[in-house]
N, C-alpha and C. Protein backbone atom coordinates (compact mmCIF):
# COMPACT_ATOMS: atom_id res chain seq x y z
N MET A 1 -3.68 28.73 -21.73
CA MET A 1 -2.63 29.40 -22.45
C MET A 1 -1.41 29.61 -21.68
N ASN A 2 -1.64 29.71 -20.25
CA ASN A 2 -0.33 29.78 -19.50
C ASN A 2 0.49 28.41 -19.48
N MET A 3 -0.16 27.32 -19.80
CA MET A 3 0.46 26.05 -19.96
C MET A 3 1.40 25.98 -21.03
N LEU A 4 1.29 26.74 -22.11
CA LEU A 4 2.12 26.79 -23.24
C LEU A 4 3.55 27.29 -22.73
N ILE A 5 3.60 28.11 -21.85
CA ILE A 5 4.76 28.77 -21.33
C ILE A 5 5.78 27.55 -20.87
N PHE A 6 5.14 26.55 -20.34
CA PHE A 6 5.92 25.44 -19.71
C PHE A 6 6.21 24.31 -20.86
N LEU A 7 5.14 24.11 -21.76
CA LEU A 7 5.13 22.91 -22.56
C LEU A 7 6.12 23.23 -23.75
N ILE A 8 6.17 24.43 -24.35
CA ILE A 8 6.92 24.62 -25.39
C ILE A 8 8.58 24.58 -25.14
N PRO A 9 9.08 25.09 -24.05
CA PRO A 9 10.42 24.82 -23.65
C PRO A 9 10.63 23.39 -23.22
N ILE A 10 9.75 22.56 -22.77
CA ILE A 10 9.98 21.26 -22.42
C ILE A 10 10.09 20.46 -23.78
N ALA A 11 9.18 20.81 -24.58
CA ALA A 11 9.12 20.00 -26.04
C ALA A 11 10.51 20.40 -26.67
N LEU A 12 10.96 21.51 -26.64
CA LEU A 12 12.22 22.03 -27.32
C LEU A 12 13.44 21.27 -26.63
N LEU A 13 13.39 21.08 -25.35
CA LEU A 13 14.47 20.51 -24.68
C LEU A 13 14.45 18.96 -25.00
N LEU A 14 13.32 18.31 -24.98
CA LEU A 14 13.07 16.90 -25.33
C LEU A 14 13.58 16.59 -26.74
N GLY A 15 13.23 17.51 -27.63
CA GLY A 15 13.51 17.37 -29.10
C GLY A 15 15.07 17.58 -29.18
N GLY A 16 15.68 18.57 -28.60
CA GLY A 16 17.21 18.78 -28.59
C GLY A 16 17.93 17.61 -27.93
N LEU A 17 17.37 16.92 -26.87
CA LEU A 17 18.01 15.77 -26.25
C LEU A 17 18.00 14.61 -27.26
N GLY A 18 16.87 14.33 -27.85
CA GLY A 18 16.75 13.31 -29.01
C GLY A 18 17.78 13.49 -30.10
N LEU A 19 17.80 14.80 -30.56
CA LEU A 19 18.76 15.14 -31.57
C LEU A 19 20.27 14.82 -31.18
N PHE A 20 20.53 15.22 -29.86
CA PHE A 20 21.89 15.00 -29.36
C PHE A 20 22.16 13.46 -29.28
N ALA A 21 21.15 12.78 -28.92
CA ALA A 21 21.47 11.22 -28.80
C ALA A 21 21.56 10.73 -30.17
N PHE A 22 20.86 11.15 -31.08
CA PHE A 22 20.93 10.64 -32.44
C PHE A 22 22.28 10.95 -33.10
N LEU A 23 22.83 12.16 -32.94
CA LEU A 23 24.10 12.63 -33.38
C LEU A 23 25.17 11.90 -32.77
N TRP A 24 25.13 11.58 -31.42
CA TRP A 24 26.10 10.84 -30.64
C TRP A 24 26.11 9.27 -31.15
N SER A 25 25.01 8.82 -31.56
CA SER A 25 24.97 7.36 -32.10
C SER A 25 25.61 7.36 -33.37
N LEU A 26 25.49 8.36 -34.17
CA LEU A 26 26.02 8.44 -35.52
C LEU A 26 27.59 8.51 -35.40
N LYS A 27 28.03 9.45 -34.36
CA LYS A 27 29.42 9.49 -34.28
C LYS A 27 30.10 8.34 -33.67
N SER A 28 29.42 7.60 -32.92
CA SER A 28 30.10 6.47 -32.11
C SER A 28 29.99 5.14 -33.08
N GLY A 29 29.52 5.26 -34.24
CA GLY A 29 29.35 4.12 -35.13
C GLY A 29 28.38 3.19 -35.09
N GLN A 30 27.24 3.57 -34.39
CA GLN A 30 26.16 2.53 -34.13
C GLN A 30 25.48 2.04 -35.48
N TYR A 31 25.59 2.70 -36.65
CA TYR A 31 24.92 2.49 -37.84
C TYR A 31 26.02 2.03 -38.89
N GLU A 32 27.13 1.49 -38.56
CA GLU A 32 28.17 1.22 -39.58
C GLU A 32 27.92 -0.19 -40.15
N ASP A 33 27.46 -1.07 -39.42
CA ASP A 33 27.44 -2.66 -40.03
C ASP A 33 26.00 -3.21 -39.76
N LEU A 34 24.97 -2.66 -40.49
CA LEU A 34 23.67 -3.04 -40.17
C LEU A 34 23.41 -4.44 -40.83
N ASP A 35 24.11 -4.83 -41.85
CA ASP A 35 23.96 -6.21 -42.51
C ASP A 35 24.56 -7.28 -41.70
N GLY A 36 25.68 -7.02 -41.13
CA GLY A 36 26.30 -7.93 -40.17
C GLY A 36 25.54 -8.31 -38.97
N ALA A 37 24.95 -7.26 -38.40
CA ALA A 37 24.02 -7.53 -37.26
C ALA A 37 22.85 -8.27 -37.61
N ALA A 38 22.13 -8.08 -38.86
CA ALA A 38 21.05 -8.89 -39.33
C ALA A 38 21.53 -10.35 -39.55
N TRP A 39 22.61 -10.53 -40.18
CA TRP A 39 23.00 -11.98 -40.28
C TRP A 39 23.24 -12.71 -38.93
N ARG A 40 23.92 -11.94 -38.00
CA ARG A 40 24.30 -12.66 -36.70
C ARG A 40 22.92 -13.13 -36.04
N VAL A 41 21.80 -12.29 -36.27
CA VAL A 41 20.69 -12.60 -35.50
C VAL A 41 20.02 -13.97 -36.07
N ILE A 42 20.17 -14.13 -37.40
CA ILE A 42 19.57 -15.35 -37.97
C ILE A 42 20.53 -16.58 -38.01
N SER A 43 21.83 -16.34 -37.66
CA SER A 43 22.83 -17.48 -37.79
C SER A 43 22.53 -18.38 -36.56
N ASP A 44 22.69 -19.67 -36.91
CA ASP A 44 22.32 -20.71 -35.85
C ASP A 44 23.64 -21.17 -35.10
N GLY A 45 24.79 -20.59 -35.57
CA GLY A 45 25.96 -20.80 -34.75
C GLY A 45 26.70 -22.18 -35.11
N ASP A 46 26.46 -22.71 -36.12
CA ASP A 46 27.09 -24.03 -36.59
C ASP A 46 28.53 -23.87 -37.00
N ASP A 47 28.95 -22.79 -37.23
CA ASP A 47 30.30 -22.46 -37.66
C ASP A 47 31.39 -22.45 -36.53
N LYS A 48 30.93 -22.67 -35.30
CA LYS A 48 31.90 -22.67 -34.23
C LYS A 48 32.62 -23.93 -34.24
N PRO A 49 33.98 -24.02 -33.92
CA PRO A 49 34.64 -25.30 -33.89
C PRO A 49 34.26 -26.10 -32.69
N ASP A 50 34.22 -27.34 -32.79
CA ASP A 50 34.00 -28.29 -31.63
C ASP A 50 35.20 -28.46 -30.78
N THR A 51 35.08 -28.34 -29.47
CA THR A 51 36.13 -28.44 -28.50
C THR A 51 36.13 -29.60 -27.75
């Protein structure tokens, strides 16, 4: 039972850290262009000009 005194604040801290990281990623625009990233992965790069 004494272990809960340590585990509950640690769990709350890690949850808050995860929430902060998620909100930061939303604010910095990480989820703005999901379709573009998906198409860039499967693109074979043939549209580059020959030099």
